[in-house]
Amino acid sequence: MKTQLVTTLKRHATRILTELAHDQSPVLITQHGIPTAYLVDVATFDALKHRLKILEGIARGERAIQEGRISTHHQAKRRLKRWLK
């Protein structure tokens, strides 16, 4: 992963974004030596959002099991299909 200063990002945004699209490797942006943000390409960001949504679903399912809220396979499949849209 590359690290760039915020001033470098300001001066060379086009180059950094072109490299980001090509490498698909996050870029850590620092400001005054402190990590401030990550730049990621759109495909990576979308994939991360999708993974997070799946993990949230798993966590909700685990909580439901612990609370004794269960469904049949057919009911769960129908709910999951609606939830992932």
N, C-alpha and C. Protein backbone atom coordinates (compact mmCIF):
# COMPACT_ATOMS: atom_id res chain seq x y z
N MET A 1 0.84 -1.17 0.00
CA MET A 1 0.00 0.00 0.00
C MET A 1 0.89 1.24 0.00
N LYS A 2 0.49 2.20 -0.80
CA LYS A 2 1.23 3.44 -0.88
C LYS A 2 0.72 4.43 0.17
N THR A 3 1.59 5.35 0.55
CA THR A 3 1.22 6.44 1.44
C THR A 3 1.55 7.74 0.74
N GLN A 4 0.62 8.67 0.79
CA GLN A 4 0.83 9.97 0.16
C GLN A 4 0.46 11.08 1.15
N LEU A 5 1.18 12.18 1.06
CA LEU A 5 0.83 13.36 1.84
C LEU A 5 -0.39 14.02 1.22
N VAL A 6 -1.19 14.68 2.03
CA VAL A 6 -2.36 15.37 1.50
C VAL A 6 -1.95 16.44 0.50
N THR A 7 -0.81 17.08 0.71
CA THR A 7 -0.34 18.09 -0.25
C THR A 7 0.02 17.46 -1.58
N THR A 8 0.57 16.25 -1.54
CA THR A 8 0.88 15.53 -2.79
C THR A 8 -0.41 15.19 -3.52
N LEU A 9 -1.42 14.79 -2.76
CA LEU A 9 -2.72 14.49 -3.37
C LEU A 9 -3.28 15.74 -4.05
N LYS A 10 -3.18 16.87 -3.39
CA LYS A 10 -3.69 18.12 -3.97
C LYS A 10 -2.98 18.46 -5.28
N ARG A 11 -1.67 18.26 -5.29
CA ARG A 11 -0.87 18.65 -6.46
C ARG A 11 -0.91 17.64 -7.59
N HIS A 12 -1.09 16.35 -7.24
CA HIS A 12 -0.96 15.30 -8.25
C HIS A 12 -2.16 14.35 -8.23
N ALA A 13 -3.34 14.89 -8.00
CA ALA A 13 -4.54 14.05 -7.87
C ALA A 13 -4.77 13.17 -9.09
N THR A 14 -4.63 13.72 -10.27
CA THR A 14 -4.89 12.95 -11.49
C THR A 14 -3.95 11.75 -11.59
N ARG A 15 -2.67 11.96 -11.33
CA ARG A 15 -1.69 10.87 -11.39
C ARG A 15 -1.99 9.81 -10.33
N ILE A 16 -2.27 10.25 -9.12
CA ILE A 16 -2.54 9.32 -8.03
C ILE A 16 -3.80 8.50 -8.32
N LEU A 17 -4.84 9.14 -8.83
CA LEU A 17 -6.07 8.42 -9.17
C LEU A 17 -5.86 7.45 -10.32
N THR A 18 -5.03 7.82 -11.29
CA THR A 18 -4.73 6.92 -12.40
C THR A 18 -3.99 5.68 -11.90
N GLU A 19 -3.00 5.89 -11.03
CA GLU A 19 -2.27 4.77 -10.44
C GLU A 19 -3.19 3.89 -9.60
N LEU A 20 -4.07 4.54 -8.86
CA LEU A 20 -5.02 3.81 -8.02
C LEU A 20 -5.92 2.91 -8.87
N ALA A 21 -6.41 3.44 -9.96
CA ALA A 21 -7.27 2.64 -10.85
C ALA A 21 -6.49 1.48 -11.45
N HIS A 22 -5.23 1.69 -11.75
CA HIS A 22 -4.41 0.64 -12.36
C HIS A 22 -4.00 -0.41 -11.34
N ASP A 23 -3.49 0.02 -10.19
CA ASP A 23 -2.98 -0.91 -9.18
C ASP A 23 -4.08 -1.54 -8.32
N GLN A 24 -5.17 -0.83 -8.16
CA GLN A 24 -6.27 -1.25 -7.28
C GLN A 24 -5.77 -1.55 -5.87
N SER A 25 -4.79 -0.77 -5.42
CA SER A 25 -4.24 -0.90 -4.08
C SER A 25 -4.55 0.40 -3.33
N PRO A 26 -5.10 0.31 -2.12
CA PRO A 26 -5.46 1.53 -1.38
C PRO A 26 -4.26 2.45 -1.19
N VAL A 27 -4.55 3.73 -1.10
CA VAL A 27 -3.54 4.74 -0.84
C VAL A 27 -3.89 5.40 0.49
N LEU A 28 -2.95 5.39 1.42
CA LEU A 28 -3.14 6.03 2.70
C LEU A 28 -2.74 7.49 2.56
N ILE A 29 -3.65 8.38 2.95
CA ILE A 29 -3.38 9.82 2.90
C ILE A 29 -3.05 10.28 4.31
N THR A 30 -1.93 11.00 4.44
CA THR A 30 -1.55 11.52 5.75
C THR A 30 -1.59 13.05 5.73
N GLN A 31 -1.89 13.59 6.88
CA GLN A 31 -1.90 15.04 7.05
C GLN A 31 -1.12 15.34 8.32
N HIS A 32 -0.05 16.11 8.19
CA HIS A 32 0.83 16.41 9.31
C HIS A 32 1.37 15.14 9.95
N GLY A 33 1.65 14.13 9.11
CA GLY A 33 2.21 12.87 9.58
C GLY A 33 1.21 11.92 10.22
N ILE A 34 -0.06 12.29 10.22
CA ILE A 34 -1.10 11.47 10.85
C ILE A 34 -1.97 10.85 9.76
N PRO A 35 -2.18 9.53 9.80
CA PRO A 35 -3.08 8.89 8.82
C PRO A 35 -4.48 9.53 8.91
N THR A 36 -4.99 9.97 7.75
CA THR A 36 -6.24 10.70 7.72
C THR A 36 -7.33 9.98 6.94
N ALA A 37 -6.96 9.36 5.83
CA ALA A 37 -7.98 8.73 4.98
C ALA A 37 -7.31 7.69 4.08
N TYR A 38 -8.16 6.82 3.55
CA TYR A 38 -7.72 5.87 2.52
C TYR A 38 -8.44 6.21 1.24
N LEU A 39 -7.73 6.13 0.14
CA LEU A 39 -8.34 6.21 -1.18
C LEU A 39 -8.39 4.80 -1.74
N VAL A 40 -9.56 4.40 -2.21
CA VAL A 40 -9.69 3.09 -2.86
C VAL A 40 -10.45 3.27 -4.16
N ASP A 41 -10.21 2.36 -5.10
CA ASP A 41 -10.92 2.44 -6.37
C ASP A 41 -12.38 2.02 -6.15
N VAL A 42 -13.22 2.38 -7.08
CA VAL A 42 -14.66 2.16 -6.96
C VAL A 42 -14.99 0.68 -6.82
N ALA A 43 -14.36 -0.18 -7.61
CA ALA A 43 -14.67 -1.61 -7.55
C ALA A 43 -14.35 -2.18 -6.17
N THR A 44 -13.21 -1.78 -5.60
CA THR A 44 -12.84 -2.24 -4.27
C THR A 44 -13.82 -1.75 -3.23
N PHE A 45 -14.20 -0.49 -3.31
CA PHE A 45 -15.16 0.08 -2.36
C PHE A 45 -16.49 -0.65 -2.44
N ASP A 46 -16.98 -0.89 -3.66
CA ASP A 46 -18.25 -1.61 -3.83
C ASP A 46 -18.17 -3.03 -3.27
N ALA A 47 -17.04 -3.70 -3.49
CA ALA A 47 -16.86 -5.05 -2.96
C ALA A 47 -16.84 -5.04 -1.43
N LEU A 48 -16.18 -4.05 -0.86
CA LEU A 48 -16.15 -3.93 0.60
C LEU A 48 -17.54 -3.68 1.18
N LYS A 49 -18.31 -2.83 0.51
CA LYS A 49 -19.69 -2.57 0.96
C LYS A 49 -20.51 -3.85 0.92
N HIS A 50 -20.34 -4.62 -0.15
CA HIS A 50 -21.09 -5.87 -0.29
C HIS A 50 -20.70 -6.86 0.81
N ARG A 51 -19.40 -6.99 1.06
CA ARG A 51 -18.93 -7.89 2.12
C ARG A 51 -19.47 -7.46 3.49
N LEU A 52 -19.46 -6.17 3.73
CA LEU A 52 -19.95 -5.66 5.01
C LEU A 52 -21.44 -5.97 5.18
N LYS A 53 -22.19 -5.84 4.11
CA LYS A 53 -23.62 -6.15 4.17
C LYS A 53 -23.84 -7.63 4.51
N ILE A 54 -23.04 -8.50 3.92
CA ILE A 54 -23.14 -9.93 4.22
C ILE A 54 -22.77 -10.21 5.67
N LEU A 55 -21.68 -9.60 6.14
CA LEU A 55 -21.27 -9.79 7.53
C LEU A 55 -22.32 -9.27 8.51
N GLU A 56 -22.96 -8.16 8.17
CA GLU A 56 -24.03 -7.64 9.02
C GLU A 56 -25.19 -8.63 9.08
N GLY A 57 -25.48 -9.25 7.97
CA GLY A 57 -26.55 -10.26 7.93
C GLY A 57 -26.21 -11.45 8.80
N ILE A 58 -24.97 -11.88 8.75
CA ILE A 58 -24.53 -13.01 9.58
C ILE A 58 -24.66 -12.64 11.06
N ALA A 59 -24.22 -11.43 11.41
CA ALA A 59 -24.30 -10.99 12.81
C ALA A 59 -25.76 -10.92 13.28
N ARG A 60 -26.64 -10.43 12.42
CA ARG A 60 -28.07 -10.39 12.77
C ARG A 60 -28.60 -11.80 12.98
N GLY A 61 -28.18 -12.72 12.14
CA GLY A 61 -28.61 -14.11 12.27
C GLY A 61 -28.13 -14.74 13.57
N GLU A 62 -26.88 -14.45 13.92
CA GLU A 62 -26.35 -14.99 15.17
C GLU A 62 -27.10 -14.43 16.38
N ARG A 63 -27.42 -13.14 16.33
CA ARG A 63 -28.21 -12.55 17.43
C ARG A 63 -29.59 -13.18 17.51
N ALA A 64 -30.21 -13.40 16.36
CA ALA A 64 -31.54 -14.01 16.34
C ALA A 64 -31.50 -15.41 16.95
N ILE A 65 -30.48 -16.17 16.65
CA ILE A 65 -30.35 -17.53 17.21
C ILE A 65 -30.21 -17.44 18.72
N GLN A 66 -29.36 -16.52 19.19
CA GLN A 66 -29.16 -16.36 20.63
C GLN A 66 -30.46 -15.95 21.33
N GLU A 67 -31.30 -15.18 20.63
CA GLU A 67 -32.56 -14.72 21.21
C GLU A 67 -33.69 -15.72 20.99
N GLY A 68 -33.39 -16.82 20.32
CA GLY A 68 -34.40 -17.85 20.09
C GLY A 68 -35.35 -17.55 18.95
N ARG A 69 -35.02 -16.55 18.14
CA ARG A 69 -35.86 -16.22 16.97
C ARG A 69 -35.32 -17.01 15.78
N ILE A 70 -36.04 -18.02 15.37
CA ILE A 70 -35.59 -18.85 14.26
C ILE A 70 -36.69 -18.94 13.21
N SER A 71 -36.31 -19.32 12.00
CA SER A 71 -37.23 -19.45 10.88
C SER A 71 -36.96 -20.76 10.16
N THR A 72 -37.91 -21.16 9.35
CA THR A 72 -37.68 -22.33 8.49
C THR A 72 -36.70 -21.91 7.39
N HIS A 73 -36.14 -22.89 6.74
CA HIS A 73 -35.21 -22.62 5.65
C HIS A 73 -35.89 -21.77 4.57
N HIS A 74 -37.12 -22.10 4.21
CA HIS A 74 -37.85 -21.38 3.17
C HIS A 74 -38.08 -19.92 3.58
N GLN A 75 -38.48 -19.69 4.83
CA GLN A 75 -38.71 -18.33 5.31
C GLN A 75 -37.40 -17.52 5.30
N ALA A 76 -36.34 -18.13 5.77
CA ALA A 76 -35.04 -17.44 5.82
C ALA A 76 -34.55 -17.09 4.42
N LYS A 77 -34.70 -18.00 3.49
CA LYS A 77 -34.25 -17.78 2.12
C LYS A 77 -35.02 -16.61 1.50
N ARG A 78 -36.31 -16.55 1.73
CA ARG A 78 -37.15 -15.47 1.20
C ARG A 78 -36.74 -14.12 1.81
N ARG A 79 -36.51 -14.08 3.11
CA ARG A 79 -36.11 -12.84 3.78
C ARG A 79 -34.73 -12.38 3.30
N LEU A 80 -33.81 -13.31 3.18
CA LEU A 80 -32.46 -12.97 2.75
C LEU A 80 -32.46 -12.43 1.32
N LYS A 81 -33.28 -13.00 0.48
CA LYS A 81 -33.37 -12.54 -0.90
C LYS A 81 -33.86 -11.10 -0.94
N ARG A 82 -34.85 -10.75 -0.15
CA ARG A 82 -35.35 -9.37 -0.09
C ARG A 82 -34.30 -8.44 0.50
N TRP A 83 -33.60 -8.91 1.53
CA TRP A 83 -32.63 -8.08 2.25
C TRP A 83 -31.41 -7.74 1.39
N LEU A 84 -30.98 -8.66 0.53
CA LEU A 84 -29.78 -8.43 -0.28
C LEU A 84 -30.04 -7.63 -1.54
N LYS A 85 -31.26 -7.30 -1.83
CA LYS A 85 -31.55 -6.50 -3.04
C LYS A 85 -31.05 -5.10 -2.91
